[in-house]
Amino acid sequence: MSARSIVAKIIRDELVSIGIRSLTIQESERIAAHIFERITDLELELAARDFASGSRDRD
């Protein structure tokens, strides 16, 4: 089972626990994929900030 599938399952389980049962497997997998994309974007942004900060410190 991939990390994306695990996150999708967690999303479905959490929503069911609060009474939301209308999310399909495909929808939860799409949400999980979007979460991973956002995490990647944030990681890249943080890396760029660290790089820029390091460059200023060396000047």
Protein backbone atom coordinates (compact mmCIF):
# COMPACT_ATOMS: atom_id res chain seq x y z
CA MET A 1 0.00 0.00 0.00
CA SER A 2 1.44 3.37 -1.01
CA ALA A 3 1.70 6.38 1.29
CA ARG A 4 -0.97 8.11 -0.81
CA SER A 5 -3.35 5.18 -0.32
CA ILE A 6 -2.68 5.15 3.41
CA VAL A 7 -3.41 8.89 3.68
CA ALA A 8 -6.56 8.44 1.59
CA LYS A 9 -7.73 5.69 3.96
CA ILE A 10 -7.01 7.87 6.99
CA ILE A 11 -8.99 10.71 5.42
CA ARG A 12 -11.97 8.40 4.79
CA ASP A 13 -11.79 6.95 8.31
CA GLU A 14 -11.59 10.38 9.93
CA LEU A 15 -14.55 11.69 7.94
CA VAL A 16 -16.62 8.62 8.76
CA SER A 17 -15.78 9.11 12.45
CA ILE A 18 -17.46 12.53 12.33
CA GLY A 19 -20.43 11.30 10.31
CA ILE A 20 -19.39 12.13 6.75
CA ARG A 21 -19.90 9.09 4.56
CA SER A 22 -20.23 10.56 1.08
CA LEU A 23 -16.54 10.71 0.08
CA THR A 24 -15.65 8.14 -2.58
CA ILE A 25 -12.35 6.27 -2.70
CA GLN A 26 -11.36 8.24 -5.80
CA GLU A 27 -12.15 11.55 -4.09
CA SER A 28 -10.13 10.67 -1.00
CA GLU A 29 -7.21 9.57 -3.18
CA ARG A 30 -7.42 12.86 -5.11
CA ILE A 31 -7.37 14.78 -1.82
CA ALA A 32 -4.37 12.74 -0.63
CA ALA A 33 -2.53 13.45 -3.89
CA HIS A 34 -3.25 17.16 -3.47
CA ILE A 35 -1.94 17.05 0.12
CA PHE A 36 1.31 15.47 -1.09
CA GLU A 37 1.64 18.11 -3.82
CA ARG A 38 1.17 20.88 -1.28
CA ILE A 39 3.71 19.30 1.07
CA THR A 40 6.22 19.12 -1.80
CA ASP A 41 5.58 22.77 -2.67
CA LEU A 42 6.09 23.79 0.96
CA GLU A 43 9.30 21.77 1.21
CA LEU A 44 10.64 23.48 -1.92
CA GLU A 45 9.66 26.90 -0.59
CA LEU A 46 11.38 26.23 2.74
CA ALA A 47 14.49 24.95 0.99
CA ALA A 48 14.59 28.09 -1.15
CA ARG A 49 14.25 30.26 1.96
CA ASP A 50 17.07 28.36 3.68
CA PHE A 51 19.23 28.74 0.60
CA ALA A 52 18.49 32.45 0.32
CA SER A 53 19.11 32.93 4.03
CA GLY A 54 22.41 31.05 3.80
CA SER A 55 23.49 33.16 0.83
CA ARG A 56 22.82 36.38 2.75
CA ASP A 57 24.76 35.10 5.76
CA ARG A 58 27.82 34.46 3.57
CA ASP A 59 27.81 37.96 2.05
